[in-house]
Amino acid sequence: ARGLDRAGVVKPTTPTAEECVNLGKILQVD
């Protein structure tokens, strides 16, 4: 939830490809 907020993901249930890449960097997930 904090990562979604920091990444500015508009719709957390259906993120875009760009949002996934940004979220991956913030959360450090594969």
Full PDB file with SEQRES, HELIX, SHEET, SSBOND, CRYST1, ORIGX, SCALE, CONECT and MASTER records, all heavy atoms in Angstrom:
SEQRES   1 A   30  ALA ARG GLY LEU ASP ARG ALA GLY VAL VAL LYS PRO THR          
SEQRES   2 A   30  THR PRO THR ALA GLU GLU CYS VAL ASN LEU GLY LYS ILE          
SEQRES   3 A   30  LEU GLN VAL ASP                                              
HELIX    1 AA1 ARG A    2  ALA A    7  1                                   6    
HELIX    2 AA2 ALA A   17  LEU A   27  1                                  11    
CRYST1    1.000    1.000    1.000  90.00  90.00  90.00 P 1           1          
ORIGX1      1.000000  0.000000  0.000000        0.00000                         
ORIGX2      0.000000  1.000000  0.000000        0.00000                         
ORIGX3      0.000000  0.000000  1.000000        0.00000                         
SCALE1      1.000000  0.000000  0.000000        0.00000                         
SCALE2      0.000000  1.000000  0.000000        0.00000                         
SCALE3      0.000000  0.000000  1.000000        0.00000                         
ATOM      1  N   ALA A   1       0.833  -1.211   0.000  1.00  0.00           N  
ATOM      2  CA  ALA A   1       0.000   0.000   0.000  1.00  0.00           C  
ATOM      3  C   ALA A   1       0.865   1.258   0.000  1.00  0.00           C  
ATOM      4  O   ALA A   1       0.588   2.214  -0.739  1.00  0.00           O  
ATOM      5  CB  ALA A   1      -0.941  -0.008   1.209  1.00  0.00           C  
ATOM      6  N   ARG A   2       1.937   1.273   0.809  1.00  0.00           N  
ATOM      7  CA  ARG A   2       2.835   2.434   0.814  1.00  0.00           C  
ATOM      8  C   ARG A   2       3.526   2.600  -0.536  1.00  0.00           C  
ATOM      9  O   ARG A   2       3.695   3.708  -1.036  1.00  0.00           O  
ATOM     10  CB  ARG A   2       3.868   2.294   1.928  1.00  0.00           C  
ATOM     11  CG  ARG A   2       3.322   2.651   3.299  1.00  0.00           C  
ATOM     12  CD  ARG A   2       4.430   2.748   4.352  1.00  0.00           C  
ATOM     13  NE  ARG A   2       5.063   1.465   4.647  1.00  0.00           N  
ATOM     14  CZ  ARG A   2       4.564   0.558   5.467  1.00  0.00           C  
ATOM     15  NH1 ARG A   2       3.411   0.768   6.067  1.00  0.00           N  
ATOM     16  NH2 ARG A   2       5.204  -0.568   5.679  1.00  0.00           N  
ATOM     17  N   GLY A   3       3.923   1.482  -1.136  1.00  0.00           N  
ATOM     18  CA  GLY A   3       4.572   1.533  -2.451  1.00  0.00           C  
ATOM     19  C   GLY A   3       3.627   2.050  -3.519  1.00  0.00           C  
ATOM     20  O   GLY A   3       4.029   2.844  -4.378  1.00  0.00           O  
ATOM     21  N   LEU A   4       2.366   1.614  -3.478  1.00  0.00           N  
ATOM     22  CA  LEU A   4       1.366   2.102  -4.435  1.00  0.00           C  
ATOM     23  C   LEU A   4       1.183   3.609  -4.293  1.00  0.00           C  
ATOM     24  O   LEU A   4       1.078   4.326  -5.289  1.00  0.00           O  
ATOM     25  CB  LEU A   4       0.025   1.390  -4.220  1.00  0.00           C  
ATOM     26  CG  LEU A   4      -0.048  -0.070  -4.655  1.00  0.00           C  
ATOM     27  CD1 LEU A   4      -1.285  -0.743  -4.080  1.00  0.00           C  
ATOM     28  CD2 LEU A   4      -0.032  -0.171  -6.165  1.00  0.00           C  
ATOM     29  N   ASP A   5       1.179   4.084  -3.059  1.00  0.00           N  
ATOM     30  CA  ASP A   5       1.027   5.517  -2.798  1.00  0.00           C  
ATOM     31  C   ASP A   5       2.241   6.296  -3.320  1.00  0.00           C  
ATOM     32  O   ASP A   5       2.090   7.309  -4.003  1.00  0.00           O  
ATOM     33  CB  ASP A   5       0.823   5.747  -1.297  1.00  0.00           C  
ATOM     34  CG  ASP A   5       0.420   7.165  -0.984  1.00  0.00           C  
ATOM     35  OD1 ASP A   5      -0.460   7.698  -1.700  1.00  0.00           O  
ATOM     36  OD2 ASP A   5       0.985   7.750  -0.033  1.00  0.00           O  
ATOM     37  N   ARG A   6       3.442   5.805  -3.004  1.00  0.00           N  
ATOM     38  CA  ARG A   6       4.676   6.477  -3.456  1.00  0.00           C  
ATOM     39  C   ARG A   6       4.809   6.459  -4.975  1.00  0.00           C  
ATOM     40  O   ARG A   6       5.308   7.416  -5.568  1.00  0.00           O  
ATOM     41  CB  ARG A   6       5.897   5.822  -2.825  1.00  0.00           C  
ATOM     42  CG  ARG A   6       6.072   6.189  -1.366  1.00  0.00           C  
ATOM     43  CD  ARG A   6       7.334   5.618  -0.760  1.00  0.00           C  
ATOM     44  NE  ARG A   6       8.524   6.004  -1.501  1.00  0.00           N  
ATOM     45  CZ  ARG A   6       9.632   5.273  -1.542  1.00  0.00           C  
ATOM     46  NH1 ARG A   6       9.706   4.127  -0.905  1.00  0.00           N  
ATOM     47  NH2 ARG A   6      10.675   5.681  -2.229  1.00  0.00           N  
ATOM     48  N   ALA A   7       4.369   5.365  -5.608  1.00  0.00           N  
ATOM     49  CA  ALA A   7       4.479   5.251  -7.070  1.00  0.00           C  
ATOM     50  C   ALA A   7       3.385   6.039  -7.785  1.00  0.00           C  
ATOM     51  O   ALA A   7       3.452   6.223  -9.000  1.00  0.00           O  
ATOM     52  CB  ALA A   7       4.420   3.780  -7.491  1.00  0.00           C  
ATOM     53  N   GLY A   8       2.372   6.479  -7.047  1.00  0.00           N  
ATOM     54  CA  GLY A   8       1.285   7.235  -7.662  1.00  0.00           C  
ATOM     55  C   GLY A   8       0.434   6.399  -8.607  1.00  0.00           C  
ATOM     56  O   GLY A   8      -0.056   6.901  -9.614  1.00  0.00           O  
ATOM     57  N   VAL A   9       0.240   5.121  -8.258  1.00  0.00           N  
ATOM     58  CA  VAL A   9      -0.570   4.232  -9.098  1.00  0.00           C  
ATOM     59  C   VAL A   9      -2.029   4.678  -9.000  1.00  0.00           C  
ATOM     60  O   VAL A   9      -2.599   4.736  -7.916  1.00  0.00           O  
ATOM     61  CB  VAL A   9      -0.406   2.759  -8.662  1.00  0.00           C  
ATOM     62  CG1 VAL A   9      -1.304   1.854  -9.484  1.00  0.00           C  
ATOM     63  CG2 VAL A   9       1.052   2.337  -8.787  1.00  0.00           C  
ATOM     64  N   VAL A  10      -2.611   5.005 -10.151  1.00  0.00           N  
ATOM     65  CA  VAL A  10      -3.967   5.552 -10.188  1.00  0.00           C  
ATOM     66  C   VAL A  10      -5.001   4.494  -9.822  1.00  0.00           C  
ATOM     67  O   VAL A  10      -5.869   4.722  -8.981  1.00  0.00           O  
ATOM     68  CB  VAL A  10      -4.269   6.154 -11.586  1.00  0.00           C  
ATOM     69  CG1 VAL A  10      -5.680   6.694 -11.637  1.00  0.00           C  
ATOM     70  CG2 VAL A  10      -3.262   7.243 -11.917  1.00  0.00           C  
ATOM     71  N   LYS A  11      -4.935   3.330 -10.462  1.00  0.00           N  
ATOM     72  CA  LYS A  11      -5.870   2.226 -10.181  1.00  0.00           C  
ATOM     73  C   LYS A  11      -5.060   1.026  -9.721  1.00  0.00           C  
ATOM     74  O   LYS A  11      -4.557   0.274 -10.555  1.00  0.00           O  
ATOM     75  CB  LYS A  11      -6.693   1.892 -11.424  1.00  0.00           C  
ATOM     76  CG  LYS A  11      -7.680   2.986 -11.828  1.00  0.00           C  
ATOM     77  CD  LYS A  11      -8.473   2.601 -13.045  1.00  0.00           C  
ATOM     78  CE  LYS A  11      -9.574   1.667 -12.619  1.00  0.00           C  
ATOM     79  NZ  LYS A  11     -10.449   1.285 -13.734  1.00  0.00           N  
ATOM     80  N   PRO A  12      -4.921   0.830  -8.404  1.00  0.00           N  
ATOM     81  CA  PRO A  12      -4.083  -0.265  -7.897  1.00  0.00           C  
ATOM     82  C   PRO A  12      -4.520  -1.654  -8.357  1.00  0.00           C  
ATOM     83  O   PRO A  12      -3.708  -2.571  -8.381  1.00  0.00           O  
ATOM     84  CB  PRO A  12      -4.215  -0.150  -6.378  1.00  0.00           C  
ATOM     85  CG  PRO A  12      -4.650   1.246  -6.129  1.00  0.00           C  
ATOM     86  CD  PRO A  12      -5.458   1.651  -7.327  1.00  0.00           C  
ATOM     87  N   THR A  13      -5.785  -1.827  -8.711  1.00  0.00           N  
ATOM     88  CA  THR A  13      -6.250  -3.147  -9.148  1.00  0.00           C  
ATOM     89  C   THR A  13      -5.866  -3.442 -10.594  1.00  0.00           C  
ATOM     90  O   THR A  13      -5.836  -4.606 -10.990  1.00  0.00           O  
ATOM     91  CB  THR A  13      -7.777  -3.271  -8.981  1.00  0.00           C  
ATOM     92  OG1 THR A  13      -8.407  -2.215  -9.699  1.00  0.00           O  
ATOM     93  CG2 THR A  13      -8.170  -3.204  -7.505  1.00  0.00           C  
ATOM     94  N   THR A  14      -5.578  -2.399 -11.381  1.00  0.00           N  
ATOM     95  CA  THR A  14      -5.208  -2.585 -12.791  1.00  0.00           C  
ATOM     96  C   THR A  14      -4.104  -1.604 -13.180  1.00  0.00           C  
ATOM     97  O   THR A  14      -4.342  -0.648 -13.914  1.00  0.00           O  
ATOM     98  CB  THR A  14      -6.420  -2.394 -13.720  1.00  0.00           C  
ATOM     99  OG1 THR A  14      -6.991  -1.098 -13.444  1.00  0.00           O  
ATOM    100  CG2 THR A  14      -7.460  -3.469 -13.532  1.00  0.00           C  
ATOM    101  N   PRO A  15      -2.881  -1.828 -12.716  1.00  0.00           N  
ATOM    102  CA  PRO A  15      -1.801  -0.899 -13.022  1.00  0.00           C  
ATOM    103  C   PRO A  15      -1.335  -1.016 -14.477  1.00  0.00           C  
ATOM    104  O   PRO A  15      -1.462  -2.070 -15.095  1.00  0.00           O  
ATOM    105  CB  PRO A  15      -0.693  -1.323 -12.065  1.00  0.00           C  
ATOM    106  CG  PRO A  15      -0.937  -2.785 -11.853  1.00  0.00           C  
ATOM    107  CD  PRO A  15      -2.435  -2.951 -11.898  1.00  0.00           C  
ATOM    108  N   THR A  16      -0.791   0.077 -14.986  1.00  0.00           N  
ATOM    109  CA  THR A  16      -0.221   0.063 -16.331  1.00  0.00           C  
ATOM    110  C   THR A  16       1.168  -0.580 -16.269  1.00  0.00           C  
ATOM    111  O   THR A  16       1.732  -0.768 -15.184  1.00  0.00           O  
ATOM    112  CB  THR A  16      -0.091   1.489 -16.884  1.00  0.00           C  
ATOM    113  OG1 THR A  16       0.861   2.203 -16.075  1.00  0.00           O  
ATOM    114  CG2 THR A  16      -1.429   2.211 -16.897  1.00  0.00           C  
ATOM    115  N   ALA A  17       1.754  -0.862 -17.433  1.00  0.00           N  
ATOM    116  CA  ALA A  17       3.093  -1.447 -17.487  1.00  0.00           C  
ATOM    117  C   ALA A  17       4.116  -0.503 -16.860  1.00  0.00           C  
ATOM    118  O   ALA A  17       5.001  -0.937 -16.121  1.00  0.00           O  
ATOM    119  CB  ALA A  17       3.457  -1.766 -18.930  1.00  0.00           C  
ATOM    120  N   GLU A  18       3.985   0.799 -17.143  1.00  0.00           N  
ATOM    121  CA  GLU A  18       4.918   1.784 -16.584  1.00  0.00           C  
ATOM    122  C   GLU A  18       4.804   1.835 -15.058  1.00  0.00           C  
ATOM    123  O   GLU A  18       5.812   1.946 -14.346  1.00  0.00           O  
ATOM    124  CB  GLU A  18       4.663   3.182 -17.168  1.00  0.00           C  
ATOM    125  CG  GLU A  18       4.894   3.289 -18.660  1.00  0.00           C  
ATOM    126  CD  GLU A  18       3.716   2.769 -19.497  1.00  0.00           C  
ATOM    127  OE1 GLU A  18       2.561   2.784 -19.005  1.00  0.00           O  
ATOM    128  OE2 GLU A  18       3.963   2.325 -20.629  1.00  0.00           O  
ATOM    129  N   GLU A  19       3.572   1.769 -14.556  1.00  0.00           N  
ATOM    130  CA  GLU A  19       3.360   1.778 -13.109  1.00  0.00           C  
ATOM    131  C   GLU A  19       3.956   0.526 -12.462  1.00  0.00           C  
ATOM    132  O   GLU A  19       4.517   0.596 -11.365  1.00  0.00           O  
ATOM    133  CB  GLU A  19       1.874   1.894 -12.778  1.00  0.00           C  
ATOM    134  CG  GLU A  19       1.293   3.260 -13.094  1.00  0.00           C  
ATOM    135  CD  GLU A  19      -0.215   3.326 -12.951  1.00  0.00           C  
ATOM    136  OE1 GLU A  19      -0.890   2.283 -13.152  1.00  0.00           O  
ATOM    137  OE2 GLU A  19      -0.719   4.423 -12.651  1.00  0.00           O  
ATOM    138  N   CYS A  20       3.879  -0.626 -13.154  1.00  0.00           N  
ATOM    139  CA  CYS A  20       4.468  -1.867 -12.625  1.00  0.00           C  
ATOM    140  C   CYS A  20       5.982  -1.750 -12.517  1.00  0.00           C  
ATOM    141  O   CYS A  20       6.581  -2.169 -11.518  1.00  0.00           O  
ATOM    142  CB  CYS A  20       4.116  -3.060 -13.514  1.00  0.00           C  
ATOM    143  SG  CYS A  20       2.431  -3.616 -13.323  1.00  0.00           S  
ATOM    144  N   VAL A  21       6.611  -1.169 -13.540  1.00  0.00           N  
ATOM    145  CA  VAL A  21       8.065  -0.995 -13.525  1.00  0.00           C  
ATOM    146  C   VAL A  21       8.462  -0.070 -12.370  1.00  0.00           C  
ATOM    147  O   VAL A  21       9.378  -0.373 -11.598  1.00  0.00           O  
ATOM    148  CB  VAL A  21       8.569  -0.451 -14.878  1.00  0.00           C  
ATOM    149  CG1 VAL A  21      10.041  -0.069 -14.794  1.00  0.00           C  
ATOM    150  CG2 VAL A  21       8.342  -1.481 -15.980  1.00  0.00           C  
ATOM    151  N   ASN A  22       7.759   1.051 -12.231  1.00  0.00           N  
ATOM    152  CA  ASN A  22       8.042   2.004 -11.165  1.00  0.00           C  
ATOM    153  C   ASN A  22       7.800   1.372  -9.793  1.00  0.00           C  
ATOM    154  O   ASN A  22       8.601   1.537  -8.868  1.00  0.00           O  
ATOM    155  CB  ASN A  22       7.175   3.256 -11.353  1.00  0.00           C  
ATOM    156  CG  ASN A  22       7.615   4.401 -10.479  1.00  0.00           C  
ATOM    157  OD1 ASN A  22       8.753   4.457 -10.027  1.00  0.00           O  
ATOM    158  ND2 ASN A  22       6.715   5.325 -10.239  1.00  0.00           N  
ATOM    159  N   LEU A  23       6.726   0.627  -9.661  1.00  0.00           N  
ATOM    160  CA  LEU A  23       6.401  -0.045  -8.405  1.00  0.00           C  
ATOM    161  C   LEU A  23       7.466  -1.093  -8.056  1.00  0.00           C  
ATOM    162  O   LEU A  23       7.851  -1.238  -6.891  1.00  0.00           O  
ATOM    163  CB  LEU A  23       5.022  -0.699  -8.519  1.00  0.00           C  
ATOM    164  CG  LEU A  23       4.359  -1.185  -7.252  1.00  0.00           C  
ATOM    165  CD1 LEU A  23       4.186  -0.060  -6.243  1.00  0.00           C  
ATOM    166  CD2 LEU A  23       3.003  -1.801  -7.583  1.00  0.00           C  
ATOM    167  N   GLY A  24       7.960  -1.783  -9.069  1.00  0.00           N  
ATOM    168  CA  GLY A  24       9.016  -2.772  -8.846  1.00  0.00           C  
ATOM    169  C   GLY A  24      10.277  -2.146  -8.286  1.00  0.00           C  
ATOM    170  O   GLY A  24      10.935  -2.720  -7.415  1.00  0.00           O  
ATOM    171  N   LYS A  25      10.622  -0.944  -8.770  1.00  0.00           N  
ATOM    172  CA  LYS A  25      11.808  -0.246  -8.264  1.00  0.00           C  
ATOM    173  C   LYS A  25      11.601   0.201  -6.820  1.00  0.00           C  
ATOM    174  O   LYS A  25      12.500   0.090  -5.987  1.00  0.00           O  
ATOM    175  CB  LYS A  25      12.111   0.959  -9.151  1.00  0.00           C  
ATOM    176  CG  LYS A  25      12.610   0.581 -10.531  1.00  0.00           C  
ATOM    177  CD  LYS A  25      12.781   1.801 -11.409  1.00  0.00           C  
ATOM    178  CE  LYS A  25      13.143   1.391 -12.825  1.00  0.00           C  
ATOM    179  NZ  LYS A  25      13.131   2.545 -13.747  1.00  0.00           N  
ATOM    180  N   ILE A  26      10.419   0.707  -6.521  1.00  0.00           N  
ATOM    181  CA  ILE A  26      10.132   1.198  -5.172  1.00  0.00           C  
ATOM    182  C   ILE A  26      10.075   0.050  -4.171  1.00  0.00           C  
ATOM    183  O   ILE A  26      10.659   0.117  -3.088  1.00  0.00           O  
ATOM    184  CB  ILE A  26       8.821   2.014  -5.160  1.00  0.00           C  
ATOM    185  CG1 ILE A  26       9.023   3.320  -5.935  1.00  0.00           C  
ATOM    186  CG2 ILE A  26       8.347   2.276  -3.740  1.00  0.00           C  
ATOM    187  CD1 ILE A  26       7.754   4.084  -6.207  1.00  0.00           C  
ATOM    188  N   LEU A  27       9.370  -1.036  -4.526  1.00  0.00           N  
ATOM    189  CA  LEU A  27       9.186  -2.168  -3.615  1.00  0.00           C  
ATOM    190  C   LEU A  27      10.346  -3.162  -3.664  1.00  0.00           C  
ATOM    191  O   LEU A  27      10.454  -4.021  -2.805  1.00  0.00           O  
ATOM    192  CB  LEU A  27       7.881  -2.908  -3.936  1.00  0.00           C  
ATOM    193  CG  LEU A  27       6.582  -2.142  -3.754  1.00  0.00           C  
ATOM    194  CD1 LEU A  27       5.395  -2.981  -4.219  1.00  0.00           C  
ATOM    195  CD2 LEU A  27       6.404  -1.712  -2.304  1.00  0.00           C  
ATOM    196  N   GLN A  28      11.176  -3.059  -4.687  1.00  0.00           N  
ATOM    197  CA  GLN A  28      12.284  -3.990  -4.915  1.00  0.00           C  
ATOM    198  C   GLN A  28      11.780  -5.431  -4.999  1.00  0.00           C  
ATOM    199  O   GLN A  28      12.233  -6.320  -4.282  1.00  0.00           O  
ATOM    200  CB  GLN A  28      13.352  -3.827  -3.845  1.00  0.00           C  
ATOM    201  CG  GLN A  28      13.975  -2.445  -3.860  1.00  0.00           C  
ATOM    202  CD  GLN A  28      15.049  -2.258  -2.816  1.00  0.00           C  
ATOM    203  OE1 GLN A  28      15.316  -3.143  -2.006  1.00  0.00           O  
ATOM    204  NE2 GLN A  28      15.674  -1.101  -2.849  1.00  0.00           N  
ATOM    205  N   VAL A  29      10.794  -5.632  -5.880  1.00  0.00           N  
ATOM    206  CA  VAL A  29      10.221  -6.963  -6.105  1.00  0.00           C  
ATOM    207  C   VAL A  29      10.477  -7.398  -7.540  1.00  0.00           C  
ATOM    208  O   VAL A  29      10.696  -6.568  -8.429  1.00  0.00           O  
ATOM    209  CB  VAL A  29       8.698  -6.992  -5.814  1.00  0.00           C  
ATOM    210  CG1 VAL A  29       8.428  -6.770  -4.342  1.00  0.00           C  
ATOM    211  CG2 VAL A  29       7.942  -5.986  -6.657  1.00  0.00           C  
ATOM    212  N   ASP A  30      10.459  -8.705  -7.745  1.00  0.00           N  
ATOM    213  CA  ASP A  30      10.667  -9.271  -9.080  1.00  0.00           C  
ATOM    214  C   ASP A  30       9.401  -9.204  -9.929  1.00  0.00           C  
ATOM    215  O   ASP A  30       9.475  -9.164 -11.153  1.00  0.00           O  
ATOM    216  CB  ASP A  30      11.115 -10.732  -8.975  1.00  0.00           C  
ATOM    217  CG  ASP A  30      12.383 -10.880  -8.158  1.00  0.00           C  
ATOM    218  OD1 ASP A  30      13.341 -10.125  -8.407  1.00  0.00           O  
ATOM    219  OD2 ASP A  30      12.407 -11.745  -7.258  1.00  0.00           O  
TER     220      ASP A  30                                                      
MASTER        0    0    0    2    0    0    0    6  219    1    0    3          
END                                                                             
